[in-house]
Amino acid sequence: MKRTAEPEAAAACLWQEHLAARFPATLRGAELAGTDMVLLDADIAGCVSVWLNNGGALDTKRLGTLRDCIEDLDQVLPLLNEPEGLRYYQRLHQLALYVSAGNPKAAK
């Protein structure tokens, strides 16, 4: 079994859940801690999608983007006080962590 099998399977399952979720209406156009919430969602979604489609591999540029997004999530998660938005971004955070942990370049 390859090293990324567990994170890939977990991320794929969580990804399907994320695709079925609606973006929290209260966060459309919102900026928290200097982070555009829609853009944060889109950046992570793009990285996750590429990672899943590339068999658990992410290029250096996207890995850097993902790491920046994780830092942004660490700042905005404590500011989310609405359950729907918090669940939505906690799921994105978990996805970002799976992808980062499952990417061989993430070990650097």
PDB file of N, CA and C in Angstrom:
ATOM      1  N   MET A   1       0.852  -1.187   0.000  1.00  0.00           N
ATOM      2  CA  MET A   1       0.000   0.000   0.000  1.00  0.00           C
ATOM      3  C   MET A   1       0.892   1.243   0.000  1.00  0.00           C
ATOM      4  N   LYS A   2       0.570   2.196  -0.832  1.00  0.00           N
ATOM      5  CA  LYS A   2       1.397   3.397  -0.883  1.00  0.00           C
ATOM      6  C   LYS A   2       1.137   4.295   0.320  1.00  0.00           C
ATOM      7  N   ARG A   3       2.092   5.120   0.604  1.00  0.00           N
ATOM      8  CA  ARG A   3       2.082   5.952   1.790  1.00  0.00           C
ATOM      9  C   ARG A   3       0.867   6.884   1.865  1.00  0.00           C
ATOM     10  N   THR A   4       0.368   7.367   0.757  1.00  0.00           N
ATOM     11  CA  THR A   4      -0.714   8.349   0.765  1.00  0.00           C
ATOM     12  C   THR A   4      -2.102   7.731   0.745  1.00  0.00           C
ATOM     13  N   ALA A   5      -2.207   6.398   0.781  1.00  0.00           N
ATOM     14  CA  ALA A   5      -3.516   5.742   0.649  1.00  0.00           C
ATOM     15  C   ALA A   5      -4.495   6.186   1.737  1.00  0.00           C
ATOM     16  N   GLU A   6      -4.065   6.219   2.986  1.00  0.00           N
ATOM     17  CA  GLU A   6      -4.978   6.616   4.061  1.00  0.00           C
ATOM     18  C   GLU A   6      -5.442   8.061   3.934  1.00  0.00           C
ATOM     19  N   PRO A   7      -4.524   9.010   3.797  1.00  0.00           N
ATOM     20  CA  PRO A   7      -4.999  10.389   3.631  1.00  0.00           C
ATOM     21  C   PRO A   7      -5.856  10.577   2.387  1.00  0.00           C
ATOM     22  N   GLU A   8      -5.512   9.890   1.309  1.00  0.00           N
ATOM     23  CA  GLU A   8      -6.301  10.006   0.079  1.00  0.00           C
ATOM     24  C   GLU A   8      -7.726   9.516   0.285  1.00  0.00           C
ATOM     25  N   ALA A   9      -7.876   8.362   0.922  1.00  0.00           N
ATOM     26  CA  ALA A   9      -9.212   7.805   1.154  1.00  0.00           C
ATOM     27  C   ALA A   9     -10.018   8.709   2.072  1.00  0.00           C
ATOM     28  N   ALA A  10      -9.398   9.171   3.139  1.00  0.00           N
ATOM     29  CA  ALA A  10     -10.098  10.054   4.077  1.00  0.00           C
ATOM     30  C   ALA A  10     -10.459  11.369   3.405  1.00  0.00           C
ATOM     31  N   ALA A  11      -9.516  11.911   2.644  1.00  0.00           N
ATOM     32  CA  ALA A  11      -9.769  13.183   1.958  1.00  0.00           C
ATOM     33  C   ALA A  11     -10.847  13.023   0.897  1.00  0.00           C
ATOM     34  N   ALA A  12     -10.838  11.920   0.164  1.00  0.00           N
ATOM     35  CA  ALA A  12     -11.845  11.698  -0.882  1.00  0.00           C
ATOM     36  C   ALA A  12     -13.245  11.648  -0.282  1.00  0.00           C
ATOM     37  N   CYS A  13     -13.377  10.997   0.852  1.00  0.00           N
ATOM     38  CA  CYS A  13     -14.672  10.915   1.534  1.00  0.00           C
ATOM     39  C   CYS A  13     -15.108  12.298   2.017  1.00  0.00           C
ATOM     40  N   LEU A  14     -14.207  13.003   2.661  1.00  0.00           N
ATOM     41  CA  LEU A  14     -14.506  14.344   3.154  1.00  0.00           C
ATOM     42  C   LEU A  14     -14.766  15.306   2.000  1.00  0.00           C
ATOM     43  N   TRP A  15     -14.078  15.115   0.884  1.00  0.00           N
ATOM     44  CA  TRP A  15     -14.252  15.946  -0.303  1.00  0.00           C
ATOM     45  C   TRP A  15     -15.683  15.808  -0.834  1.00  0.00           C
ATOM     46  N   GLN A  16     -16.189  14.588  -0.876  1.00  0.00           N
ATOM     47  CA  GLN A  16     -17.557  14.373  -1.349  1.00  0.00           C
ATOM     48  C   GLN A  16     -18.561  15.076  -0.431  1.00  0.00           C
ATOM     49  N   GLU A  17     -18.306  15.018   0.851  1.00  0.00           N
ATOM     50  CA  GLU A  17     -19.152  15.729   1.815  1.00  0.00           C
ATOM     51  C   GLU A  17     -19.092  17.232   1.564  1.00  0.00           C
ATOM     52  N   HIS A  18     -17.896  17.723   1.285  1.00  0.00           N
ATOM     53  CA  HIS A  18     -17.727  19.159   1.047  1.00  0.00           C
ATOM     54  C   HIS A  18     -18.451  19.595  -0.229  1.00  0.00           C
ATOM     55  N   LEU A  19     -18.340  18.785  -1.271  1.00  0.00           N
ATOM     56  CA  LEU A  19     -19.007  19.125  -2.529  1.00  0.00           C
ATOM     57  C   LEU A  19     -20.520  19.198  -2.382  1.00  0.00           C
ATOM     58  N   ALA A  20     -21.060  18.429  -1.457  1.00  0.00           N
ATOM     59  CA  ALA A  20     -22.509  18.417  -1.234  1.00  0.00           C
ATOM     60  C   ALA A  20     -22.969  19.570  -0.334  1.00  0.00           C
ATOM     61  N   ALA A  21     -22.031  20.212   0.348  1.00  0.00           N
ATOM     62  CA  ALA A  21     -22.373  21.281   1.293  1.00  0.00           C
ATOM     63  C   ALA A  21     -22.566  22.610   0.567  1.00  0.00           C
ATOM     64  N   ARG A  22     -23.447  23.415   1.097  1.00  0.00           N
ATOM     65  CA  ARG A  22     -23.640  24.774   0.589  1.00  0.00           C
ATOM     66  C   ARG A  22     -22.677  25.716   1.276  1.00  0.00           C
ATOM     67  N   PHE A  23     -22.198  26.681   0.493  1.00  0.00           N
ATOM     68  CA  PHE A  23     -21.338  27.693   1.089  1.00  0.00           C
ATOM     69  C   PHE A  23     -22.184  28.515   2.053  1.00  0.00           C
ATOM     70  N   PRO A  24     -21.684  28.790   3.262  1.00  0.00           N
ATOM     71  CA  PRO A  24     -22.452  29.570   4.233  1.00  0.00           C
ATOM     72  C   PRO A  24     -22.776  30.974   3.712  1.00  0.00           C
ATOM     73  N   ALA A  25     -24.050  31.253   3.605  1.00  0.00           N
ATOM     74  CA  ALA A  25     -24.512  32.525   3.038  1.00  0.00           C
ATOM     75  C   ALA A  25     -23.949  33.730   3.784  1.00  0.00           C
ATOM     76  N   THR A  26     -23.787  33.617   5.082  1.00  0.00           N
ATOM     77  CA  THR A  26     -23.297  34.752   5.879  1.00  0.00           C
ATOM     78  C   THR A  26     -21.834  35.080   5.612  1.00  0.00           C
ATOM     79  N   LEU A  27     -21.135  34.154   4.936  1.00  0.00           N
ATOM     80  CA  LEU A  27     -19.715  34.391   4.677  1.00  0.00           C
ATOM     81  C   LEU A  27     -19.428  34.808   3.238  1.00  0.00           C
ATOM     82  N   ARG A  28     -20.473  34.929   2.431  1.00  0.00           N
ATOM     83  CA  ARG A  28     -20.281  35.427   1.063  1.00  0.00           C
ATOM     84  C   ARG A  28     -19.837  36.890   1.145  1.00  0.00           C
ATOM     85  N   GLY A  29     -18.712  37.163   0.538  1.00  0.00           N
ATOM     86  CA  GLY A  29     -18.187  38.526   0.554  1.00  0.00           C
ATOM     87  C   GLY A  29     -17.548  38.924   1.869  1.00  0.00           C
ATOM     88  N   ALA A  30     -17.465  37.999   2.810  1.00  0.00           N
ATOM     89  CA  ALA A  30     -16.891  38.308   4.124  1.00  0.00           C
ATOM     90  C   ALA A  30     -15.369  38.199   4.093  1.00  0.00           C
ATOM     91  N   GLU A  31     -14.763  39.026   4.929  1.00  0.00           N
ATOM     92  CA  GLU A  31     -13.326  38.990   5.131  1.00  0.00           C
ATOM     93  C   GLU A  31     -13.079  38.924   6.627  1.00  0.00           C
ATOM     94  N   LEU A  32     -12.342  37.906   7.051  1.00  0.00           N
ATOM     95  CA  LEU A  32     -12.006  37.748   8.464  1.00  0.00           C
ATOM     96  C   LEU A  32     -10.494  37.705   8.604  1.00  0.00           C
ATOM     97  N   ALA A  33      -9.976  38.443   9.542  1.00  0.00           N
ATOM     98  CA  ALA A  33      -8.532  38.494   9.787  1.00  0.00           C
ATOM     99  C   ALA A  33      -7.765  38.748   8.485  1.00  0.00           C
ATOM    100  N   GLY A  34      -8.335  39.584   7.618  1.00  0.00           N
ATOM    101  CA  GLY A  34      -7.690  39.922   6.362  1.00  0.00           C
ATOM    102  C   GLY A  34      -7.785  38.850   5.285  1.00  0.00           C
ATOM    103  N   THR A  35      -8.630  37.847   5.503  1.00  0.00           N
ATOM    104  CA  THR A  35      -8.761  36.731   4.566  1.00  0.00           C
ATOM    105  C   THR A  35     -10.138  36.739   3.933  1.00  0.00           C
ATOM    106  N   ASP A  36     -10.174  36.742   2.613  1.00  0.00           N
ATOM    107  CA  ASP A  36     -11.429  36.638   1.872  1.00  0.00           C
ATOM    108  C   ASP A  36     -11.901  35.188   1.987  1.00  0.00           C
ATOM    109  N   MET A  37     -13.064  34.988   2.576  1.00  0.00           N
ATOM    110  CA  MET A  37     -13.535  33.638   2.874  1.00  0.00           C
ATOM    111  C   MET A  37     -13.883  32.829   1.626  1.00  0.00           C
ATOM    112  N   VAL A  38     -14.405  33.469   0.605  1.00  0.00           N
ATOM    113  CA  VAL A  38     -14.720  32.760  -0.639  1.00  0.00           C
ATOM    114  C   VAL A  38     -13.427  32.328  -1.326  1.00  0.00           C
ATOM    115  N   LEU A  39     -12.450  33.205  -1.357  1.00  0.00           N
ATOM    116  CA  LEU A  39     -11.169  32.887  -1.975  1.00  0.00           C
ATOM    117  C   LEU A  39     -10.449  31.775  -1.208  1.00  0.00           C
ATOM    118  N   LEU A  40     -10.540  31.791   0.100  1.00  0.00           N
ATOM    119  CA  LEU A  40      -9.938  30.746   0.918  1.00  0.00           C
ATOM    120  C   LEU A  40     -10.539  29.386   0.562  1.00  0.00           C
ATOM    121  N   ASP A  41     -11.846  29.341   0.443  1.00  0.00           N
ATOM    122  CA  ASP A  41     -12.553  28.125   0.043  1.00  0.00           C
ATOM    123  C   ASP A  41     -12.082  27.668  -1.331  1.00  0.00           C
ATOM    124  N   ALA A  42     -12.037  28.578  -2.277  1.00  0.00           N
ATOM    125  CA  ALA A  42     -11.653  28.240  -3.650  1.00  0.00           C
ATOM    126  C   ALA A  42     -10.208  27.748  -3.737  1.00  0.00           C
ATOM    127  N   ASP A  43      -9.307  28.395  -3.016  1.00  0.00           N
ATOM    128  CA  ASP A  43      -7.899  27.988  -3.045  1.00  0.00           C
ATOM    129  C   ASP A  43      -7.719  26.579  -2.508  1.00  0.00           C
ATOM    130  N   ILE A  44      -8.352  26.286  -1.380  1.00  0.00           N
ATOM    131  CA  ILE A  44      -8.230  24.948  -0.795  1.00  0.00           C
ATOM    132  C   ILE A  44      -8.891  23.920  -1.705  1.00  0.00           C
ATOM    133  N   ALA A  45     -10.071  24.241  -2.201  1.00  0.00           N
ATOM    134  CA  ALA A  45     -10.785  23.310  -3.084  1.00  0.00           C
ATOM    135  C   ALA A  45      -9.947  22.975  -4.315  1.00  0.00           C
ATOM    136  N   GLY A  46      -9.301  23.971  -4.880  1.00  0.00           N
ATOM    137  CA  GLY A  46      -8.456  23.728  -6.043  1.00  0.00           C
ATOM    138  C   GLY A  46      -7.299  22.806  -5.726  1.00  0.00           C
ATOM    139  N   CYS A  47      -6.656  23.028  -4.594  1.00  0.00           N
ATOM    140  CA  CYS A  47      -5.529  22.177  -4.194  1.00  0.00           C
ATOM    141  C   CYS A  47      -5.985  20.750  -3.930  1.00  0.00           C
ATOM    142  N   VAL A  48      -7.098  20.597  -3.233  1.00  0.00           N
ATOM    143  CA  VAL A  48      -7.611  19.260  -2.919  1.00  0.00           C
ATOM    144  C   VAL A  48      -7.977  18.524  -4.202  1.00  0.00           C
ATOM    145  N   SER A  49      -8.659  19.206  -5.097  1.00  0.00           N
ATOM    146  CA  SER A  49      -9.072  18.594  -6.354  1.00  0.00           C
ATOM    147  C   SER A  49      -7.868  18.119  -7.163  1.00  0.00           C
ATOM    148  N   VAL A  50      -6.857  18.960  -7.286  1.00  0.00           N
ATOM    149  CA  VAL A  50      -5.647  18.589  -8.023  1.00  0.00           C
ATOM    150  C   VAL A  50      -4.960  17.407  -7.337  1.00  0.00           C
ATOM    151  N   TRP A  51      -4.855  17.457  -6.034  1.00  0.00           N
ATOM    152  CA  TRP A  51      -4.200  16.394  -5.268  1.00  0.00           C
ATOM    153  C   TRP A  51      -4.895  15.056  -5.477  1.00  0.00           C
ATOM    154  N   LEU A  52      -6.221  15.062  -5.389  1.00  0.00           N
ATOM    155  CA  LEU A  52      -6.975  13.822  -5.593  1.00  0.00           C
ATOM    156  C   LEU A  52      -6.841  13.316  -7.027  1.00  0.00           C
ATOM    157  N   ASN A  53      -6.875  14.217  -7.991  1.00  0.00           N
ATOM    158  CA  ASN A  53      -6.774  13.819  -9.396  1.00  0.00           C
ATOM    159  C   ASN A  53      -5.362  13.394  -9.798  1.00  0.00           C
ATOM    160  N   ASN A  54      -4.362  13.777  -9.007  1.00  0.00           N
ATOM    161  CA  ASN A  54      -2.970  13.411  -9.290  1.00  0.00           C
ATOM    162  C   ASN A  54      -2.479  12.269  -8.414  1.00  0.00           C
ATOM    163  N   GLY A  55      -3.396  11.500  -7.862  1.00  0.00           N
ATOM    164  CA  GLY A  55      -2.996  10.345  -7.058  1.00  0.00           C
ATOM    165  C   GLY A  55      -2.243  10.685  -5.791  1.00  0.00           C
ATOM    166  N   GLY A  56      -2.570  11.808  -5.191  1.00  0.00           N
ATOM    167  CA  GLY A  56      -1.946  12.185  -3.929  1.00  0.00           C
ATOM    168  C   GLY A  56      -0.675  13.003  -4.084  1.00  0.00           C
ATOM    169  N   ALA A  57      -0.503  13.641  -5.221  1.00  0.00           N
ATOM    170  CA  ALA A  57       0.677  14.486  -5.443  1.00  0.00           C
ATOM    171  C   ALA A  57       0.248  15.919  -5.703  1.00  0.00           C
ATOM    172  N   LEU A  58       1.011  16.832  -5.168  1.00  0.00           N
ATOM    173  CA  LEU A  58       0.733  18.254  -5.340  1.00  0.00           C
ATOM    174  C   LEU A  58       2.033  18.959  -5.689  1.00  0.00           C
ATOM    175  N   ASP A  59       1.990  19.834  -6.679  1.00  0.00           N
ATOM    176  CA  ASP A  59       3.190  20.560  -7.077  1.00  0.00           C
ATOM    177  C   ASP A  59       3.584  21.562  -5.999  1.00  0.00           C
ATOM    178  N   THR A  60       4.807  22.029  -6.095  1.00  0.00           N
ATOM    179  CA  THR A  60       5.383  22.920  -5.086  1.00  0.00           C
ATOM    180  C   THR A  60       4.576  24.205  -4.910  1.00  0.00           C
ATOM    181  N   LYS A  61       4.123  24.786  -6.006  1.00  0.00           N
ATOM    182  CA  LYS A  61       3.363  26.043  -5.924  1.00  0.00           C
ATOM    183  C   LYS A  61       2.051  25.835  -5.160  1.00  0.00           C
ATOM    184  N   ARG A  62       1.323  24.784  -5.507  1.00  0.00           N
ATOM    185  CA  ARG A  62       0.055  24.525  -4.827  1.00  0.00           C
ATOM    186  C   ARG A  62       0.274  24.126  -3.371  1.00  0.00           C
ATOM    187  N   LEU A  63       1.352  23.413  -3.107  1.00  0.00           N
ATOM    188  CA  LEU A  63       1.655  23.053  -1.727  1.00  0.00           C
ATOM    189  C   LEU A  63       1.899  24.316  -0.896  1.00  0.00           C
ATOM    190  N   GLY A  64       2.587  25.282  -1.474  1.00  0.00           N
ATOM    191  CA  GLY A  64       2.792  26.560  -0.788  1.00  0.00           C
ATOM    192  C   GLY A  64       1.476  27.285  -0.554  1.00  0.00           C
ATOM    193  N   THR A  65       0.614  27.271  -1.567  1.00  0.00           N
ATOM    194  CA  THR A  65      -0.711  27.879  -1.429  1.00  0.00           C
ATOM    195  C   THR A  65      -1.487  27.206  -0.311  1.00  0.00           C
ATOM    196  N   LEU A  66      -1.440  25.882  -0.284  1.00  0.00           N
ATOM    197  CA  LEU A  66      -2.159  25.133   0.737  1.00  0.00           C
ATOM    198  C   LEU A  66      -1.628  25.456   2.129  1.00  0.00           C
ATOM    199  N   ARG A  67      -0.340  25.539   2.266  1.00  0.00           N
ATOM    200  CA  ARG A  67       0.242  25.888   3.579  1.00  0.00           C
ATOM    201  C   ARG A  67      -0.200  27.292   4.022  1.00  0.00           C
ATOM    202  N   ASP A  68      -0.241  28.223   3.080  1.00  0.00           N
ATOM    203  CA  ASP A  68      -0.737  29.569   3.400  1.00  0.00           C
ATOM    204  C   ASP A  68      -2.195  29.510   3.845  1.00  0.00           C
ATOM    205  N   CYS A  69      -2.975  28.680   3.174  1.00  0.00           N
ATOM    206  CA  CYS A  69      -4.393  28.541   3.519  1.00  0.00           C
ATOM    207  C   CYS A  69      -4.566  27.949   4.921  1.00  0.00           C
ATOM    208  N   ILE A  70      -3.720  26.992   5.269  1.00  0.00           N
ATOM    209  CA  ILE A  70      -3.791  26.409   6.611  1.00  0.00           C
ATOM    210  C   ILE A  70      -3.500  27.482   7.652  1.00  0.00           C
ATOM    211  N   GLU A  71      -2.515  28.322   7.385  1.00  0.00           N
ATOM    212  CA  GLU A  71      -2.208  29.427   8.301  1.00  0.00           C
ATOM    213  C   GLU A  71      -3.397  30.382   8.409  1.00  0.00           C
ATOM    214  N   ASP A  72      -4.019  30.685   7.266  1.00  0.00           N
ATOM    215  CA  ASP A  72      -5.196  31.557   7.280  1.00  0.00           C
ATOM    216  C   ASP A  72      -6.330  30.921   8.078  1.00  0.00           C
ATOM    217  N   LEU A  73      -6.541  29.633   7.874  1.00  0.00           N
ATOM    218  CA  LEU A  73      -7.601  28.935   8.619  1.00  0.00           C
ATOM    219  C   LEU A  73      -7.333  28.971  10.119  1.00  0.00           C
ATOM    220  N   ASP A  74      -6.081  28.828  10.504  1.00  0.00           N
ATOM    221  CA  ASP A  74      -5.733  28.894  11.923  1.00  0.00           C
ATOM    222  C   ASP A  74      -6.120  30.242  12.525  1.00  0.00           C
ATOM    223  N   GLN A  75      -6.099  31.290  11.696  1.00  0.00           N
ATOM    224  CA  GLN A  75      -6.477  32.626  12.166  1.00  0.00           C
ATOM    225  C   GLN A  75      -7.992  32.842  12.164  1.00  0.00           C
ATOM    226  N   VAL A  76      -8.682  32.321  11.154  1.00  0.00           N
ATOM    227  CA  VAL A  76     -10.115  32.627  11.023  1.00  0.00           C
ATOM    228  C   VAL A  76     -11.029  31.668  11.789  1.00  0.00           C
ATOM    229  N   LEU A  77     -10.608  30.420  11.989  1.00  0.00           N
ATOM    230  CA  LEU A  77     -11.497  29.470  12.678  1.00  0.00           C
ATOM    231  C   LEU A  77     -11.962  29.976  14.045  1.00  0.00           C
ATOM    232  N   PRO A  78     -11.081  30.548  14.872  1.00  0.00           N
ATOM    233  CA  PRO A  78     -11.552  31.044  16.172  1.00  0.00           C
ATOM    234  C   PRO A  78     -12.544  32.210  16.061  1.00  0.00           C
ATOM    235  N   LEU A  79     -12.592  32.858  14.898  1.00  0.00           N
ATOM    236  CA  LEU A  79     -13.483  34.008  14.708  1.00  0.00           C
ATOM    237  C   LEU A  79     -14.871  33.609  14.208  1.00  0.00           C
ATOM    238  N   LEU A  80     -15.012  32.359  13.789  1.00  0.00           N
ATOM    239  CA  LEU A  80     -16.304  31.898  13.266  1.00  0.00           C
ATOM    240  C   LEU A  80     -17.201  31.494  14.422  1.00  0.00           C
ATOM    241  N   ASN A  81     -18.308  32.218  14.561  1.00  0.00           N
ATOM    242  CA  ASN A  81     -19.203  31.945  15.684  1.00  0.00           C
ATOM    243  C   ASN A  81     -20.539  31.354  15.244  1.00  0.00           C
ATOM    244  N   GLU A  82     -20.725  31.164  13.958  1.00  0.00           N
ATOM    245  CA  GLU A  82     -21.953  30.577  13.443  1.00  0.00           C
ATOM    246  C   GLU A  82     -21.675  29.104  13.131  1.00  0.00           C
ATOM    247  N   PRO A  83     -22.500  28.180  13.640  1.00  0.00           N
ATOM    248  CA  PRO A  83     -22.237  26.743  13.471  1.00  0.00           C
ATOM    249  C   PRO A  83     -22.046  26.293  12.022  1.00  0.00           C
ATOM    250  N   GLU A  84     -22.853  26.787  11.097  1.00  0.00           N
ATOM    251  CA  GLU A  84     -22.743  26.362   9.697  1.00  0.00           C
ATOM    252  C   GLU A  84     -21.387  26.747   9.109  1.00  0.00           C
ATOM    253  N   GLY A  85     -20.984  27.984   9.329  1.00  0.00           N
ATOM    254  CA  GLY A  85     -19.700  28.448   8.814  1.00  0.00           C
ATOM    255  C   GLY A  85     -18.533  27.744   9.480  1.00  0.00           C
ATOM    256  N   LEU A  86     -18.654  27.522  10.776  1.00  0.00           N
ATOM    257  CA  LEU A  86     -17.590  26.841  11.503  1.00  0.00           C
ATOM    258  C   LEU A  86     -17.415  25.422  10.982  1.00  0.00           C
ATOM    259  N   ARG A  87     -18.512  24.672  10.820  1.00  0.00           N
ATOM    260  CA  ARG A  87     -18.426  23.306  10.285  1.00  0.00           C
ATOM    261  C   ARG A  87     -17.813  23.301   8.882  1.00  0.00           C
ATOM    262  N   TYR A  88     -18.240  24.233   8.061  1.00  0.00           N
ATOM    263  CA  TYR A  88     -17.770  24.316   6.679  1.00  0.00           C
ATOM    264  C   TYR A  88     -16.248  24.501   6.634  1.00  0.00           C
ATOM    265  N   TYR A  89     -15.755  25.443   7.417  1.00  0.00           N
ATOM    266  CA  TYR A  89     -14.325  25.728   7.387  1.00  0.00           C
ATOM    267  C   TYR A  89     -13.508  24.743   8.207  1.00  0.00           C
ATOM    268  N   GLN A  90     -14.098  24.098   9.193  1.00  0.00           N
ATOM    269  CA  GLN A  90     -13.396  23.013   9.885  1.00  0.00           C
ATOM    270  C   GLN A  90     -13.169  21.844   8.926  1.00  0.00           C
ATOM    271  N   ARG A  91     -14.159  21.576   8.087  1.00  0.00           N
ATOM    272  CA  ARG A  91     -14.021  20.510   7.093  1.00  0.00           C
ATOM    273  C   ARG A  91     -12.914  20.875   6.094  1.00  0.00           C
ATOM    274  N   LEU A  92     -12.880  22.113   5.650  1.00  0.00           N
ATOM    275  CA  LEU A  92     -11.809  22.550   4.750  1.00  0.00           C
ATOM    276  C   LEU A  92     -10.443  22.433   5.426  1.00  0.00           C
ATOM    277  N   HIS A  93     -10.389  22.767   6.684  1.00  0.00           N
ATOM    278  CA  HIS A  93      -9.140  22.663   7.443  1.00  0.00           C
ATOM    279  C   HIS A  93      -8.678  21.211   7.479  1.00  0.00           C
ATOM    280  N   GLN A  94      -9.605  20.304   7.770  1.00  0.00           N
ATOM    281  CA  GLN A  94      -9.259  18.893   7.814  1.00  0.00           C
ATOM    282  C   GLN A  94      -8.776  18.411   6.445  1.00  0.00           C
ATOM    283  N   LEU A  95      -9.460  18.824   5.388  1.00  0.00           N
ATOM    284  CA  LEU A  95      -9.038  18.468   4.034  1.00  0.00           C
ATOM    285  C   LEU A  95      -7.619  18.975   3.755  1.00  0.00           C
ATOM    286  N   ALA A  96      -7.370  20.208   4.110  1.00  0.00           N
ATOM    287  CA  ALA A  96      -6.046  20.793   3.877  1.00  0.00           C
ATOM    288  C   ALA A  96      -4.973  20.026   4.645  1.00  0.00           C
ATOM    289  N   LEU A  97      -5.290  19.616   5.854  1.00  0.00           N
ATOM    290  CA  LEU A  97      -4.325  18.844   6.641  1.00  0.00           C
ATOM    291  C   LEU A  97      -4.082  17.467   6.037  1.00  0.00           C
ATOM    292  N   TYR A  98      -5.138  16.801   5.581  1.00  0.00           N
ATOM    293  CA  TYR A  98      -4.973  15.497   4.914  1.00  0.00           C
ATOM    294  C   TYR A  98      -4.066  15.629   3.698  1.00  0.00           C
ATOM    295  N   VAL A  99      -4.337  16.628   2.876  1.00  0.00           N
ATOM    296  CA  VAL A  99      -3.562  16.813   1.652  1.00  0.00           C
ATOM    297  C   VAL A  99      -2.113  17.136   1.996  1.00  0.00           C
ATOM    298  N   SER A 100      -1.913  18.005   2.953  1.00  0.00           N
ATOM    299  CA  SER A 100      -0.561  18.371   3.353  1.00  0.00           C
ATOM    300  C   SER A 100       0.193  17.161   3.917  1.00  0.00           C
ATOM    301  N   ALA A 101      -0.468  16.375   4.747  1.00  0.00           N
ATOM    302  CA  ALA A 101       0.164  15.193   5.345  1.00  0.00           C
ATOM    303  C   ALA A 101       0.391  14.093   4.326  1.00  0.00           C
ATOM    304  N   GLY A 102      -0.507  14.015   3.336  1.00  0.00           N
ATOM    305  CA  GLY A 102      -0.408  12.956   2.347  1.00  0.00           C
ATOM    306  C   GLY A 102       0.477  13.281   1.172  1.00  0.00           C
ATOM    307  N   ASN A 103       0.992  14.489   1.139  1.00  0.00           N
ATOM    308  CA  ASN A 103       1.842  14.898   0.026  1.00  0.00           C
ATOM    309  C   ASN A 103       3.295  14.667   0.433  1.00  0.00           C
ATOM    310  N   PRO A 104       4.047  13.871  -0.332  1.00  0.00           N
ATOM    311  CA  PRO A 104       5.434  13.592   0.047  1.00  0.00           C
ATOM    312  C   PRO A 104       6.275  14.845   0.261  1.00  0.00           C
ATOM    313  N   LYS A 105       5.980  15.913  -0.466  1.00  0.00           N
ATOM    314  CA  LYS A 105       6.759  17.141  -0.331  1.00  0.00           C
ATOM    315  C   LYS A 105       6.431  17.882   0.952  1.00  0.00           C
ATOM    316  N   ALA A 106       5.336  17.501   1.634  1.00  0.00           N
ATOM    317  CA  ALA A 106       4.925  18.182   2.852  1.00  0.00           C
ATOM    318  C   ALA A 106       5.876  17.885   3.995  1.00  0.00           C
ATOM    319  N   ALA A 107       6.694  16.870   3.858  1.00  0.00           N
ATOM    320  CA  ALA A 107       7.611  16.498   4.941  1.00  0.00           C
ATOM    321  C   ALA A 107       8.748  17.499   5.127  1.00  0.00           C
ATOM    322  N   LYS A 108       8.995  18.325   4.134  1.00  0.00           N
ATOM    323  CA  LYS A 108      10.077  19.316   4.224  1.00  0.00           C
ATOM    324  C   LYS A 108       9.819  20.350   5.280  1.00  0.00           C
TER     325      LYS A 108
END
